[in-house]
Amino acid sequence: MDYDLIEVGASYQEGIEQLMEETRRGGSRTAPIRVCLLCSEEDPLRCHRRNLIARTLVRQGGSVQHIGGDGRLESEEEVRQREARMIRPPRQASGKGGRRQTRLL
């Protein structure tokens, strides 16, 4: 799925604006209204809503918390850190003609 293409679409942008408007309506600067989007995916790393909606909200200054099945909260920043630990940066392979490799943990 091309999330970048979806993100620039007019209907997607309209939906995000409606969502952001809900967070501003009736709340105050110190106590904004909280909005909850739900899906059935336990792990945010496999959730398409995170890959699209969460990244847009974070870019716009929103705070995103993922709720685990046990009620535990994991911030979007914590999910990104966990994701970074799972995929190590490519390393130069010795004696392989400069091929780069990615290791998954």
Protein backbone atom coordinates (compact mmCIF):
# COMPACT_ATOMS: atom_id res chain seq x y z
CA MET A 1 0.00 0.00 0.00
CA ASP A 2 1.37 3.44 -0.91
CA TYR A 3 0.82 5.39 2.31
CA ASP A 4 2.52 8.51 0.90
CA LEU A 5 0.02 8.63 -1.95
CA ILE A 6 -2.96 8.12 0.37
CA GLU A 7 -1.67 10.77 2.78
CA VAL A 8 -1.75 13.54 0.16
CA GLY A 9 -5.26 12.68 -1.01
CA ALA A 10 -8.02 15.21 -0.44
CA SER A 11 -10.40 12.81 1.34
CA TYR A 12 -7.63 11.61 3.68
CA GLN A 13 -6.62 15.18 4.49
CA GLU A 14 -10.26 16.06 5.16
CA GLY A 15 -10.59 13.10 7.53
CA ILE A 16 -7.41 14.08 9.40
CA GLU A 17 -8.67 17.66 9.73
CA GLN A 18 -11.96 16.38 11.18
CA LEU A 19 -10.02 14.21 13.63
CA MET A 20 -7.80 17.11 14.71
CA GLU A 21 -10.88 19.34 15.05
CA GLU A 22 -12.40 16.79 17.46
CA THR A 23 -9.32 17.08 19.68
CA ARG A 24 -9.74 20.88 19.81
CA ARG A 25 -13.49 21.00 20.33
CA GLY A 26 -14.53 21.52 23.92
CA GLY A 27 -11.09 20.91 25.35
CA SER A 28 -8.66 23.39 26.78
CA ARG A 29 -4.95 23.89 26.22
CA THR A 30 -4.17 22.01 29.44
CA ALA A 31 -6.87 19.34 29.05
CA PRO A 32 -7.56 18.58 25.36
CA ILE A 33 -10.21 16.10 24.38
CA ARG A 34 -8.78 12.66 23.70
CA VAL A 35 -9.80 10.75 20.61
CA CYS A 36 -9.40 6.98 20.35
CA LEU A 37 -9.10 5.07 17.08
CA LEU A 38 -9.40 1.32 17.47
CA CYS A 39 -8.30 -1.66 15.45
CA SER A 40 -7.90 -5.34 16.22
CA GLU A 41 -4.11 -5.49 15.69
CA GLU A 42 -2.31 -6.20 18.97
CA ASP A 43 1.12 -5.09 17.75
CA PRO A 44 1.33 -1.50 16.44
CA LEU A 45 4.21 -2.55 14.17
CA ARG A 46 1.71 -4.56 12.09
CA CYS A 47 -1.09 -1.99 12.16
CA HIS A 48 -1.87 -0.08 8.97
CA ARG A 49 -3.48 2.70 11.02
CA ARG A 50 -0.15 3.33 12.68
CA ASN A 51 1.68 3.33 9.34
CA LEU A 52 -0.66 5.97 8.01
CA ILE A 53 -2.73 7.85 10.58
CA ALA A 54 -0.29 7.83 13.51
CA ARG A 55 2.58 9.18 11.43
CA THR A 56 0.37 12.00 10.11
CA LEU A 57 -0.82 12.93 13.59
CA VAL A 58 2.74 12.95 14.97
CA ARG A 59 3.88 15.18 12.08
CA GLN A 60 1.08 17.59 13.00
CA GLY A 61 2.15 17.70 16.65
CA GLY A 62 -0.27 15.10 17.96
CA SER A 63 0.50 12.62 20.70
CA VAL A 64 -0.16 8.96 19.84
CA GLN A 65 -0.47 6.20 22.43
CA HIS A 66 -1.02 2.57 21.45
CA ILE A 67 -3.13 0.48 23.84
CA GLY A 68 -2.12 -3.16 24.21
CA GLY A 69 -4.57 -5.97 24.86
CA ASP A 70 -3.48 -5.92 28.50
CA GLY A 71 -4.19 -2.17 28.75
CA ARG A 72 -0.51 -1.20 28.66
CA LEU A 73 0.24 2.05 26.83
CA GLU A 74 3.11 2.36 24.38
CA SER A 75 3.89 5.77 22.89
CA GLU A 76 4.57 6.13 19.18
CA GLU A 77 8.16 7.03 20.08
CA GLU A 78 8.52 3.77 22.03
CA VAL A 79 7.12 1.82 19.06
CA ARG A 80 9.61 3.53 16.74
CA GLN A 81 12.48 2.66 19.08
CA ARG A 82 11.33 -0.96 19.24
CA GLU A 83 11.10 -1.04 15.46
CA ALA A 84 14.63 0.37 15.12
CA ARG A 85 16.00 -2.35 17.43
CA MET A 86 14.40 -5.04 15.27
CA ILE A 87 16.12 -3.91 12.07
CA ARG A 88 19.80 -3.23 12.34
CA PRO A 89 21.35 -0.76 9.89
CA PRO A 90 23.01 -2.30 6.82
CA ARG A 91 26.67 -3.29 7.27
CA GLN A 92 29.44 -3.65 4.73
CA ALA A 93 29.92 -7.37 4.09
CA SER A 94 33.58 -8.37 3.99
CA GLY A 95 34.80 -10.09 0.83
CA LYS A 96 31.40 -9.92 -0.88
CA GLY A 97 32.17 -7.22 -3.42
CA GLY A 98 30.65 -4.51 -1.25
CA ARG A 99 27.17 -6.04 -0.96
CA ARG A 100 25.20 -4.63 1.92
CA GLN A 101 23.19 -6.85 4.24
CA THR A 102 20.32 -6.16 6.62
CA ARG A 103 19.97 -8.35 9.68
CA LEU A 104 16.61 -9.00 11.26
CA LEU A 105 16.60 -9.92 14.92
